[in-house]
Amino acid sequence: MGETSILFVAGFALIILGFILSFAAALIMFFRGLRRYKARSSGWSGLIMIGPIPIVFGTDREKVKVLIVLSIILMLLALVFIIALSLLTG
């Protein structure tokens, strides 16, 4: 019984540590990106996936082209997972 509780506490501690590290990494990336954004002015773009439907927007043509390719890859990947799941469940 004692060994099980130690494993439970260790697992729970690792999960909490993972959340803390993820939050710290997100903060570091945010502040680095903010510093780079102030250093240079460039276009912006974004991708919103609502289910399998992509919405791509932005001012920089090159970034929009990359996002369109990524959205096509995401749609195909979602289609593959849907087909695989339907085949596995029968």
PDB file of N, CA and C in Angstrom:
ATOM      1  N   MET A   1       0.822  -1.189   0.000  1.00  0.00           N
ATOM      2  CA  MET A   1       0.000   0.000   0.000  1.00  0.00           C
ATOM      3  C   MET A   1       0.862   1.246   0.000  1.00  0.00           C
ATOM      4  N   GLY A   2       1.981   1.237   0.729  1.00  0.00           N
ATOM      5  CA  GLY A   2       2.861   2.394   0.811  1.00  0.00           C
ATOM      6  C   GLY A   2       3.532   2.691  -0.510  1.00  0.00           C
ATOM      7  N   GLU A   3       3.914   1.633  -1.250  1.00  0.00           N
ATOM      8  CA  GLU A   3       4.563   1.822  -2.532  1.00  0.00           C
ATOM      9  C   GLU A   3       3.616   2.433  -3.553  1.00  0.00           C
ATOM     10  N   THR A   4       2.362   2.037  -3.514  1.00  0.00           N
ATOM     11  CA  THR A   4       1.369   2.581  -4.429  1.00  0.00           C
ATOM     12  C   THR A   4       1.160   4.064  -4.188  1.00  0.00           C
ATOM     13  N   SER A   5       1.088   4.471  -2.938  1.00  0.00           N
ATOM     14  CA  SER A   5       0.883   5.888  -2.652  1.00  0.00           C
ATOM     15  C   SER A   5       2.098   6.718  -3.056  1.00  0.00           C
ATOM     16  N   ILE A   6       3.300   6.153  -2.932  1.00  0.00           N
ATOM     17  CA  ILE A   6       4.502   6.868  -3.366  1.00  0.00           C
ATOM     18  C   ILE A   6       4.483   7.061  -4.877  1.00  0.00           C
ATOM     19  N   LEU A   7       4.080   6.024  -5.610  1.00  0.00           N
ATOM     20  CA  LEU A   7       3.987   6.139  -7.064  1.00  0.00           C
ATOM     21  C   LEU A   7       2.920   7.149  -7.472  1.00  0.00           C
ATOM     22  N   PHE A   8       1.814   7.162  -6.739  1.00  0.00           N
ATOM     23  CA  PHE A   8       0.756   8.123  -7.037  1.00  0.00           C
ATOM     24  C   PHE A   8       1.244   9.550  -6.833  1.00  0.00           C
ATOM     25  N   VAL A   9       1.910   9.804  -5.725  1.00  0.00           N
ATOM     26  CA  VAL A   9       2.428  11.144  -5.433  1.00  0.00           C
ATOM     27  C   VAL A   9       3.491  11.538  -6.443  1.00  0.00           C
ATOM     28  N   ALA A  10       4.358  10.591  -6.822  1.00  0.00           N
ATOM     29  CA  ALA A  10       5.398  10.877  -7.803  1.00  0.00           C
ATOM     30  C   ALA A  10       4.784  11.220  -9.162  1.00  0.00           C
ATOM     31  N   GLY A  11       3.783  10.444  -9.571  1.00  0.00           N
ATOM     32  CA  GLY A  11       3.110  10.729 -10.843  1.00  0.00           C
ATOM     33  C   GLY A  11       2.405  12.069 -10.827  1.00  0.00           C
ATOM     34  N   PHE A  12       1.722  12.356  -9.731  1.00  0.00           N
ATOM     35  CA  PHE A  12       1.024  13.633  -9.606  1.00  0.00           C
ATOM     36  C   PHE A  12       2.017  14.794  -9.614  1.00  0.00           C
ATOM     37  N   ALA A  13       3.155  14.622  -8.938  1.00  0.00           N
ATOM     38  CA  ALA A  13       4.185  15.667  -8.909  1.00  0.00           C
ATOM     39  C   ALA A  13       4.756  15.899 -10.302  1.00  0.00           C
ATOM     40  N   LEU A  14       4.948  14.838 -11.082  1.00  0.00           N
ATOM     41  CA  LEU A  14       5.450  14.993 -12.446  1.00  0.00           C
ATOM     42  C   LEU A  14       4.450  15.719 -13.338  1.00  0.00           C
ATOM     43  N   ILE A  15       3.169  15.442 -13.130  1.00  0.00           N
ATOM     44  CA  ILE A  15       2.146  16.137 -13.913  1.00  0.00           C
ATOM     45  C   ILE A  15       2.152  17.624 -13.581  1.00  0.00           C
ATOM     46  N   ILE A  16       2.204  17.972 -12.312  1.00  0.00           N
ATOM     47  CA  ILE A  16       2.247  19.374 -11.902  1.00  0.00           C
ATOM     48  C   ILE A  16       3.513  20.043 -12.429  1.00  0.00           C
ATOM     49  N   LEU A  17       4.653  19.352 -12.360  1.00  0.00           N
ATOM     50  CA  LEU A  17       5.905  19.888 -12.878  1.00  0.00           C
ATOM     51  C   LEU A  17       5.802  20.139 -14.384  1.00  0.00           C
ATOM     52  N   GLY A  18       5.133  19.239 -15.092  1.00  0.00           N
ATOM     53  CA  GLY A  18       4.930  19.425 -16.528  1.00  0.00           C
ATOM     54  C   GLY A  18       4.110  20.669 -16.832  1.00  0.00           C
ATOM     55  N   PHE A  19       3.054  20.901 -16.055  1.00  0.00           N
ATOM     56  CA  PHE A  19       2.256  22.100 -16.236  1.00  0.00           C
ATOM     57  C   PHE A  19       3.075  23.360 -15.968  1.00  0.00           C
ATOM     58  N   ILE A  20       3.869  23.327 -14.913  1.00  0.00           N
ATOM     59  CA  ILE A  20       4.684  24.493 -14.565  1.00  0.00           C
ATOM     60  C   ILE A  20       5.715  24.767 -15.659  1.00  0.00           C
ATOM     61  N   LEU A  21       6.377  23.722 -16.157  1.00  0.00           N
ATOM     62  CA  LEU A  21       7.364  23.897 -17.222  1.00  0.00           C
ATOM     63  C   LEU A  21       6.720  24.396 -18.512  1.00  0.00           C
ATOM     64  N   SER A  22       5.538  23.882 -18.836  1.00  0.00           N
ATOM     65  CA  SER A  22       4.834  24.345 -20.036  1.00  0.00           C
ATOM     66  C   SER A  22       4.455  25.815 -19.915  1.00  0.00           C
ATOM     67  N   PHE A  23       3.983  26.211 -18.757  1.00  0.00           N
ATOM     68  CA  PHE A  23       3.618  27.606 -18.542  1.00  0.00           C
ATOM     69  C   PHE A  23       4.843  28.505 -18.632  1.00  0.00           C
ATOM     70  N   ALA A  24       5.952  28.081 -18.024  1.00  0.00           N
ATOM     71  CA  ALA A  24       7.189  28.871 -18.074  1.00  0.00           C
ATOM     72  C   ALA A  24       7.701  28.977 -19.512  1.00  0.00           C
ATOM     73  N   ALA A  25       7.639  27.896 -20.274  1.00  0.00           N
ATOM     74  CA  ALA A  25       8.089  27.922 -21.664  1.00  0.00           C
ATOM     75  C   ALA A  25       7.219  28.854 -22.496  1.00  0.00           C
ATOM     76  N   ALA A  26       5.907  28.840 -22.248  1.00  0.00           N
ATOM     77  CA  ALA A  26       5.010  29.737 -22.977  1.00  0.00           C
ATOM     78  C   ALA A  26       5.318  31.192 -22.658  1.00  0.00           C
ATOM     79  N   LEU A  27       5.598  31.497 -21.395  1.00  0.00           N
ATOM     80  CA  LEU A  27       5.955  32.869 -21.027  1.00  0.00           C
ATOM     81  C   LEU A  27       7.265  33.305 -21.679  1.00  0.00           C
ATOM     82  N   ILE A  28       8.252  32.430 -21.678  1.00  0.00           N
ATOM     83  CA  ILE A  28       9.537  32.762 -22.304  1.00  0.00           C
ATOM     84  C   ILE A  28       9.356  33.005 -23.796  1.00  0.00           C
ATOM     85  N   MET A  29       8.604  32.137 -24.463  1.00  0.00           N
ATOM     86  CA  MET A  29       8.365  32.316 -25.895  1.00  0.00           C
ATOM     87  C   MET A  29       7.607  33.605 -26.168  1.00  0.00           C
ATOM     88  N   PHE A  30       6.647  33.942 -25.325  1.00  0.00           N
ATOM     89  CA  PHE A  30       5.880  35.167 -25.508  1.00  0.00           C
ATOM     90  C   PHE A  30       6.776  36.385 -25.421  1.00  0.00           C
ATOM     91  N   PHE A  31       7.623  36.442 -24.400  1.00  0.00           N
ATOM     92  CA  PHE A  31       8.475  37.617 -24.223  1.00  0.00           C
ATOM     93  C   PHE A  31       9.555  37.704 -25.291  1.00  0.00           C
ATOM     94  N   ARG A  32      10.094  36.577 -25.744  1.00  0.00           N
ATOM     95  CA  ARG A  32      11.057  36.606 -26.850  1.00  0.00           C
ATOM     96  C   ARG A  32      10.387  37.077 -28.132  1.00  0.00           C
ATOM     97  N   GLY A  33       9.192  36.584 -28.390  1.00  0.00           N
ATOM     98  CA  GLY A  33       8.463  37.016 -29.583  1.00  0.00           C
ATOM     99  C   GLY A  33       8.108  38.490 -29.529  1.00  0.00           C
ATOM    100  N   LEU A  34       7.761  38.971 -28.361  1.00  0.00           N
ATOM    101  CA  LEU A  34       7.443  40.385 -28.203  1.00  0.00           C
ATOM    102  C   LEU A  34       8.669  41.246 -28.477  1.00  0.00           C
ATOM    103  N   ARG A  35       9.822  40.797 -28.005  1.00  0.00           N
ATOM    104  CA  ARG A  35      11.062  41.535 -28.237  1.00  0.00           C
ATOM    105  C   ARG A  35      11.414  41.531 -29.720  1.00  0.00           C
ATOM    106  N   ARG A  36      11.241  40.400 -30.392  1.00  0.00           N
ATOM    107  CA  ARG A  36      11.526  40.327 -31.827  1.00  0.00           C
ATOM    108  C   ARG A  36      10.537  41.164 -32.626  1.00  0.00           C
ATOM    109  N   TYR A  37       9.293  41.184 -32.195  1.00  0.00           N
ATOM    110  CA  TYR A  37       8.274  41.960 -32.902  1.00  0.00           C
ATOM    111  C   TYR A  37       8.601  43.445 -32.840  1.00  0.00           C
ATOM    112  N   LYS A  38       9.079  43.909 -31.700  1.00  0.00           N
ATOM    113  CA  LYS A  38       9.451  45.313 -31.574  1.00  0.00           C
ATOM    114  C   LYS A  38      10.672  45.633 -32.419  1.00  0.00           C
ATOM    115  N   ALA A  39      11.569  44.651 -32.601  1.00  0.00           N
ATOM    116  CA  ALA A  39      12.797  44.875 -33.349  1.00  0.00           C
ATOM    117  C   ALA A  39      12.547  44.990 -34.851  1.00  0.00           C
ATOM    118  N   ARG A  40      11.554  44.319 -35.354  1.00  0.00           N
ATOM    119  CA  ARG A  40      11.279  44.365 -36.790  1.00  0.00           C
ATOM    120  C   ARG A  40       9.779  44.449 -37.012  1.00  0.00           C
ATOM    121  N   SER A  41       9.425  45.076 -38.090  1.00  0.00           N
ATOM    122  CA  SER A  41       8.005  45.128 -38.431  1.00  0.00           C
ATOM    123  C   SER A  41       7.793  44.269 -39.668  1.00  0.00           C
ATOM    124  N   SER A  42       6.904  43.352 -39.588  1.00  0.00           N
ATOM    125  CA  SER A  42       6.616  42.471 -40.708  1.00  0.00           C
ATOM    126  C   SER A  42       5.123  42.218 -40.757  1.00  0.00           C
ATOM    127  N   GLY A  43       4.719  41.519 -41.780  1.00  0.00           N
ATOM    128  CA  GLY A  43       3.315  41.197 -41.920  1.00  0.00           C
ATOM    129  C   GLY A  43       2.885  40.162 -40.907  1.00  0.00           C
ATOM    130  N   TRP A  44       1.619  39.952 -40.807  1.00  0.00           N
ATOM    131  CA  TRP A  44       1.072  38.995 -39.862  1.00  0.00           C
ATOM    132  C   TRP A  44       0.112  38.098 -40.608  1.00  0.00           C
ATOM    133  N   SER A  45      -0.129  36.938 -40.046  1.00  0.00           N
ATOM    134  CA  SER A  45      -1.087  36.006 -40.638  1.00  0.00           C
ATOM    135  C   SER A  45      -1.585  35.077 -39.546  1.00  0.00           C
ATOM    136  N   GLY A  46      -2.674  34.399 -39.850  1.00  0.00           N
ATOM    137  CA  GLY A  46      -3.244  33.495 -38.866  1.00  0.00           C
ATOM    138  C   GLY A  46      -4.063  32.406 -39.533  1.00  0.00           C
ATOM    139  N   LEU A  47      -4.279  31.341 -38.795  1.00  0.00           N
ATOM    140  CA  LEU A  47      -5.054  30.204 -39.279  1.00  0.00           C
ATOM    141  C   LEU A  47      -5.989  29.770 -38.176  1.00  0.00           C
ATOM    142  N   ILE A  48      -7.260  29.685 -38.515  1.00  0.00           N
ATOM    143  CA  ILE A  48      -8.263  29.177 -37.583  1.00  0.00           C
ATOM    144  C   ILE A  48      -8.881  27.943 -38.221  1.00  0.00           C
ATOM    145  N   MET A  49      -8.817  26.816 -37.496  1.00  0.00           N
ATOM    146  CA  MET A  49      -9.434  25.591 -37.997  1.00  0.00           C
ATOM    147  C   MET A  49     -10.719  25.358 -37.215  1.00  0.00           C
ATOM    148  N   ILE A  50     -11.839  25.408 -37.905  1.00  0.00           N
ATOM    149  CA  ILE A  50     -13.132  25.097 -37.301  1.00  0.00           C
ATOM    150  C   ILE A  50     -13.546  23.753 -37.883  1.00  0.00           C
ATOM    151  N   GLY A  51     -13.247  22.716 -37.098  1.00  0.00           N
ATOM    152  CA  GLY A  51     -13.447  21.370 -37.629  1.00  0.00           C
ATOM    153  C   GLY A  51     -12.472  21.169 -38.765  1.00  0.00           C
ATOM    154  N   PRO A  52     -12.940  20.699 -39.911  1.00  0.00           N
ATOM    155  CA  PRO A  52     -12.035  20.523 -41.047  1.00  0.00           C
ATOM    156  C   PRO A  52     -11.953  21.764 -41.947  1.00  0.00           C
ATOM    157  N   ILE A  53     -12.616  22.839 -41.578  1.00  0.00           N
ATOM    158  CA  ILE A  53     -12.675  24.023 -42.435  1.00  0.00           C
ATOM    159  C   ILE A  53     -11.650  25.051 -41.977  1.00  0.00           C
ATOM    160  N   PRO A  54     -10.687  25.389 -42.872  1.00  0.00           N
ATOM    161  CA  PRO A  54      -9.672  26.375 -42.481  1.00  0.00           C
ATOM    162  C   PRO A  54     -10.104  27.797 -42.837  1.00  0.00           C
ATOM    163  N   ILE A  55      -9.722  28.734 -41.973  1.00  0.00           N
ATOM    164  CA  ILE A  55      -9.891  30.154 -42.261  1.00  0.00           C
ATOM    165  C   ILE A  55      -8.498  30.762 -42.151  1.00  0.00           C
ATOM    166  N   VAL A  56      -7.958  31.221 -43.276  1.00  0.00           N
ATOM    167  CA  VAL A  56      -6.603  31.761 -43.324  1.00  0.00           C
ATOM    168  C   VAL A  56      -6.713  33.254 -43.590  1.00  0.00           C
ATOM    169  N   PHE A  57      -5.953  34.051 -42.832  1.00  0.00           N
ATOM    170  CA  PHE A  57      -5.964  35.490 -43.026  1.00  0.00           C
ATOM    171  C   PHE A  57      -4.579  36.057 -42.756  1.00  0.00           C
ATOM    172  N   GLY A  58      -4.322  37.249 -43.265  1.00  0.00           N
ATOM    173  CA  GLY A  58      -3.043  37.880 -42.991  1.00  0.00           C
ATOM    174  C   GLY A  58      -2.668  38.906 -44.032  1.00  0.00           C
ATOM    175  N   THR A  59      -1.539  39.571 -43.808  1.00  0.00           N
ATOM    176  CA  THR A  59      -1.059  40.610 -44.717  1.00  0.00           C
ATOM    177  C   THR A  59       0.192  40.179 -45.479  1.00  0.00           C
ATOM    178  N   ASP A  60       0.912  39.191 -44.995  1.00  0.00           N
ATOM    179  CA  ASP A  60       2.136  38.727 -45.634  1.00  0.00           C
ATOM    180  C   ASP A  60       1.804  37.542 -46.531  1.00  0.00           C
ATOM    181  N   ARG A  61       2.012  37.707 -47.832  1.00  0.00           N
ATOM    182  CA  ARG A  61       1.633  36.658 -48.789  1.00  0.00           C
ATOM    183  C   ARG A  61       2.376  35.342 -48.553  1.00  0.00           C
ATOM    184  N   GLU A  62       3.659  35.422 -48.251  1.00  0.00           N
ATOM    185  CA  GLU A  62       4.441  34.204 -48.051  1.00  0.00           C
ATOM    186  C   GLU A  62       3.941  33.418 -46.839  1.00  0.00           C
ATOM    187  N   LYS A  63       3.653  34.112 -45.757  1.00  0.00           N
ATOM    188  CA  LYS A  63       3.151  33.428 -44.568  1.00  0.00           C
ATOM    189  C   LYS A  63       1.775  32.826 -44.826  1.00  0.00           C
ATOM    190  N   VAL A  64       0.940  33.519 -45.587  1.00  0.00           N
ATOM    191  CA  VAL A  64      -0.393  32.995 -45.904  1.00  0.00           C
ATOM    192  C   VAL A  64      -0.275  31.739 -46.756  1.00  0.00           C
ATOM    193  N   LYS A  65       0.660  31.730 -47.697  1.00  0.00           N
ATOM    194  CA  LYS A  65       0.861  30.531 -48.524  1.00  0.00           C
ATOM    195  C   LYS A  65       1.279  29.340 -47.666  1.00  0.00           C
ATOM    196  N   VAL A  66       2.179  29.564 -46.728  1.00  0.00           N
ATOM    197  CA  VAL A  66       2.611  28.490 -45.833  1.00  0.00           C
ATOM    198  C   VAL A  66       1.432  27.986 -45.004  1.00  0.00           C
ATOM    199  N   LEU A  67       0.606  28.905 -44.506  1.00  0.00           N
ATOM    200  CA  LEU A  67      -0.551  28.503 -43.704  1.00  0.00           C
ATOM    201  C   LEU A  67      -1.577  27.745 -44.529  1.00  0.00           C
ATOM    202  N   ILE A  68      -1.727  28.090 -45.797  1.00  0.00           N
ATOM    203  CA  ILE A  68      -2.652  27.346 -46.659  1.00  0.00           C
ATOM    204  C   ILE A  68      -2.162  25.910 -46.833  1.00  0.00           C
ATOM    205  N   VAL A  69      -0.855  25.741 -47.054  1.00  0.00           N
ATOM    206  CA  VAL A  69      -0.300  24.385 -47.182  1.00  0.00           C
ATOM    207  C   VAL A  69      -0.489  23.614 -45.878  1.00  0.00           C
ATOM    208  N   LEU A  70      -0.217  24.260 -44.734  1.00  0.00           N
ATOM    209  CA  LEU A  70      -0.412  23.599 -43.452  1.00  0.00           C
ATOM    210  C   LEU A  70      -1.874  23.236 -43.211  1.00  0.00           C
ATOM    211  N   SER A  71      -2.793  24.095 -43.625  1.00  0.00           N
ATOM    212  CA  SER A  71      -4.208  23.781 -43.429  1.00  0.00           C
ATOM    213  C   SER A  71      -4.629  22.595 -44.288  1.00  0.00           C
ATOM    214  N   ILE A  72      -4.089  22.495 -45.494  1.00  0.00           N
ATOM    215  CA  ILE A  72      -4.393  21.335 -46.344  1.00  0.00           C
ATOM    216  C   ILE A  72      -3.866  20.060 -45.697  1.00  0.00           C
ATOM    217  N   ILE A  73      -2.644  20.135 -45.153  1.00  0.00           N
ATOM    218  CA  ILE A  73      -2.073  18.964 -44.471  1.00  0.00           C
ATOM    219  C   ILE A  73      -2.928  18.579 -43.264  1.00  0.00           C
ATOM    220  N   LEU A  74      -3.377  19.561 -42.484  1.00  0.00           N
ATOM    221  CA  LEU A  74      -4.223  19.279 -41.323  1.00  0.00           C
ATOM    222  C   LEU A  74      -5.560  18.662 -41.737  1.00  0.00           C
ATOM    223  N   MET A  75      -6.153  19.150 -42.823  1.00  0.00           N
ATOM    224  CA  MET A  75      -7.418  18.584 -43.290  1.00  0.00           C
ATOM    225  C   MET A  75      -7.233  17.134 -43.732  1.00  0.00           C
ATOM    226  N   LEU A  76      -6.144  16.865 -44.463  1.00  0.00           N
ATOM    227  CA  LEU A  76      -5.881  15.493 -44.900  1.00  0.00           C
ATOM    228  C   LEU A  76      -5.602  14.575 -43.718  1.00  0.00           C
ATOM    229  N   LEU A  77      -4.869  15.075 -42.731  1.00  0.00           N
ATOM    230  CA  LEU A  77      -4.586  14.292 -41.540  1.00  0.00           C
ATOM    231  C   LEU A  77      -5.872  13.975 -40.769  1.00  0.00           C
ATOM    232  N   ALA A  78      -6.753  14.947 -40.659  1.00  0.00           N
ATOM    233  CA  ALA A  78      -8.033  14.715 -39.996  1.00  0.00           C
ATOM    234  C   ALA A  78      -8.861  13.689 -40.763  1.00  0.00           C
ATOM    235  N   LEU A  79      -8.836  13.770 -42.083  1.00  0.00           N
ATOM    236  CA  LEU A  79      -9.571  12.810 -42.908  1.00  0.00           C
ATOM    237  C   LEU A  79      -9.021  11.401 -42.723  1.00  0.00           C
ATOM    238  N   VAL A  80      -7.704  11.261 -42.665  1.00  0.00           N
ATOM    239  CA  VAL A  80      -7.083   9.949 -42.455  1.00  0.00           C
ATOM    240  C   VAL A  80      -7.492   9.380 -41.097  1.00  0.00           C
ATOM    241  N   PHE A  81      -7.467  10.221 -40.055  1.00  0.00           N
ATOM    242  CA  PHE A  81      -7.866   9.741 -38.730  1.00  0.00           C
ATOM    243  C   PHE A  81      -9.341   9.349 -38.689  1.00  0.00           C
ATOM    244  N   ILE A  82     -10.189  10.094 -39.352  1.00  0.00           N
ATOM    245  CA  ILE A  82     -11.617   9.765 -39.372  1.00  0.00           C
ATOM    246  C   ILE A  82     -11.845   8.436 -40.082  1.00  0.00           C
ATOM    247  N   ILE A  83     -11.193   8.241 -41.218  1.00  0.00           N
ATOM    248  CA  ILE A  83     -11.346   6.996 -41.962  1.00  0.00           C
ATOM    249  C   ILE A  83     -10.780   5.825 -41.168  1.00  0.00           C
ATOM    250  N   ALA A  84      -9.606   6.015 -40.548  1.00  0.00           N
ATOM    251  CA  ALA A  84      -9.010   4.943 -39.760  1.00  0.00           C
ATOM    252  C   ALA A  84      -9.888   4.581 -38.574  1.00  0.00           C
ATOM    253  N   LEU A  85     -10.446   5.569 -37.925  1.00  0.00           N
ATOM    254  CA  LEU A  85     -11.323   5.300 -36.784  1.00  0.00           C
ATOM    255  C   LEU A  85     -12.582   4.562 -37.208  1.00  0.00           C
ATOM    256  N   SER A  86     -13.148   4.936 -38.346  1.00  0.00           N
ATOM    257  CA  SER A  86     -14.355   4.247 -38.808  1.00  0.00           C
ATOM    258  C   SER A  86     -14.051   2.802 -39.222  1.00  0.00           C
ATOM    259  N   LEU A  87     -12.862   2.570 -39.754  1.00  0.00           N
ATOM    260  CA  LEU A  87     -12.486   1.203 -40.129  1.00  0.00           C
ATOM    261  C   LEU A  87     -12.210   0.353 -38.886  1.00  0.00           C
ATOM    262  N   LEU A  88     -11.626   0.955 -37.867  1.00  0.00           N
ATOM    263  CA  LEU A  88     -11.304   0.197 -36.658  1.00  0.00           C
ATOM    264  C   LEU A  88     -12.537  -0.132 -35.833  1.00  0.00           C
ATOM    265  N   THR A  89     -13.519   0.781 -35.827  1.00  0.00           N
ATOM    266  CA  THR A  89     -14.712   0.535 -35.034  1.00  0.00           C
ATOM    267  C   THR A  89     -15.736  -0.314 -35.770  1.00  0.00           C
ATOM    268  N   GLY A  90     -15.556  -0.449 -37.035  1.00  0.00           N
ATOM    269  CA  GLY A  90     -16.280  -1.418 -37.757  1.00  0.00           C
ATOM    270  C   GLY A  90     -17.521  -1.182 -38.413  1.00  0.00           C
TER     271      GLY A  90
END
